[in-house]
Amino acid sequence: MGTIALMSEPESTAEPECPGCGQRWLRATSLPGRYRCVYCLGRYELRSDCPSCGAHSTIARMSDTANMVCRNCGSTTLRRV
């Protein structure tokens, strides 16, 4: 008989990582661009400017989390509120 390979969840559908605690419990709130970690209870807002390198980007109004990463330096564009 053959072995069963376990399939992991694709990275694009995985929950985003909390910038504060590093856990994958970051969830969108009812306000656009606002997120809350249900593990550490930290609140974050999505910024159009990167806090690390200062690069500016346009925030697309989409349901995915592709906008949370700076295209220049790769750091998060979330700021703690």
Protein backbone atom coordinates (compact mmCIF):
# COMPACT_ATOMS: atom_id res chain seq x y z
CA MET A 1 0.00 0.00 0.00
CA GLY A 2 1.10 3.56 -0.64
CA THR A 3 1.76 6.32 1.84
CA ILE A 4 -0.56 9.23 2.37
CA ALA A 5 0.97 12.66 1.87
CA LEU A 6 -0.44 15.48 3.97
CA MET A 7 -1.11 18.65 2.05
CA SER A 8 -0.36 21.90 3.80
CA GLU A 9 -2.47 24.99 3.37
CA PRO A 10 -1.26 27.34 0.61
CA GLU A 11 0.45 30.47 1.92
CA SER A 12 -2.02 32.80 0.19
CA THR A 13 -4.99 31.42 2.16
CA ALA A 14 -3.16 31.27 5.48
CA GLU A 15 -4.03 33.88 8.07
CA PRO A 16 -1.62 36.84 8.29
CA GLU A 17 0.97 36.94 11.05
CA CYS A 18 0.55 39.44 13.90
CA PRO A 19 3.41 41.99 13.95
CA GLY A 20 3.30 42.07 17.75
CA CYS A 21 3.27 38.44 18.87
CA GLY A 22 4.06 36.60 15.62
CA GLN A 23 1.03 34.31 15.85
CA ARG A 24 -1.30 33.74 12.88
CA TRP A 25 -4.37 35.12 14.68
CA LEU A 26 -4.70 38.48 12.90
CA ARG A 27 -8.28 39.13 11.80
CA ALA A 28 -9.94 41.99 9.94
CA THR A 29 -12.36 44.13 11.93
CA SER A 30 -15.53 45.83 10.71
CA LEU A 31 -13.55 49.00 9.87
CA PRO A 32 -11.64 48.96 6.56
CA GLY A 33 -7.89 48.66 7.00
CA ARG A 34 -8.11 47.72 10.69
CA TYR A 35 -7.00 44.40 12.13
CA ARG A 36 -7.03 42.78 15.57
CA CYS A 37 -4.99 39.88 16.89
CA VAL A 38 -7.22 37.51 18.83
CA TYR A 39 -4.15 36.02 20.54
CA CYS A 40 -2.48 39.13 22.04
CA LEU A 41 -5.49 41.47 21.49
CA GLY A 42 -3.31 44.03 19.69
CA ARG A 43 -5.01 46.43 17.28
CA TYR A 44 -3.37 47.46 14.00
CA GLU A 45 -4.14 49.71 11.06
CA LEU A 46 -2.98 49.30 7.48
CA ARG A 47 -0.81 52.23 6.40
CA SER A 48 -0.06 53.48 2.90
CA ASP A 49 3.50 54.33 3.96
CA CYS A 50 5.98 51.72 5.16
CA PRO A 51 7.14 52.33 8.75
CA SER A 52 10.52 50.72 7.95
CA CYS A 53 11.67 52.33 4.69
CA GLY A 54 9.12 55.13 4.20
CA ALA A 55 8.03 53.98 0.74
CA HIS A 56 4.46 54.94 -0.23
CA SER A 57 2.04 52.54 -1.88
CA THR A 58 -1.61 52.49 -2.80
CA ILE A 59 -3.91 50.41 -0.63
CA ALA A 60 -6.20 48.33 -2.83
CA ARG A 61 -9.59 47.56 -1.36
CA MET A 62 -9.41 43.80 -1.57
CA SER A 63 -10.15 41.04 0.88
CA ASP A 64 -6.73 39.39 0.63
CA THR A 65 -3.69 40.28 2.70
CA ALA A 66 -1.31 41.10 -0.17
CA ASN A 67 -1.28 44.78 0.84
CA MET A 68 0.26 44.09 4.26
CA VAL A 69 3.80 43.69 2.91
CA CYS A 70 5.97 46.53 1.62
CA ARG A 71 7.05 45.93 -1.99
CA ASN A 72 10.40 47.65 -1.42
CA CYS A 73 11.72 46.15 1.82
CA GLY A 74 9.30 43.29 2.56
CA SER A 75 8.34 44.45 6.06
CA THR A 76 4.78 44.84 7.30
CA THR A 77 2.78 48.01 6.63
CA LEU A 78 0.66 47.52 9.75
CA ARG A 79 1.01 50.05 12.57
CA ARG A 80 -0.13 49.43 16.14
CA VAL A 81 -3.06 51.63 17.14
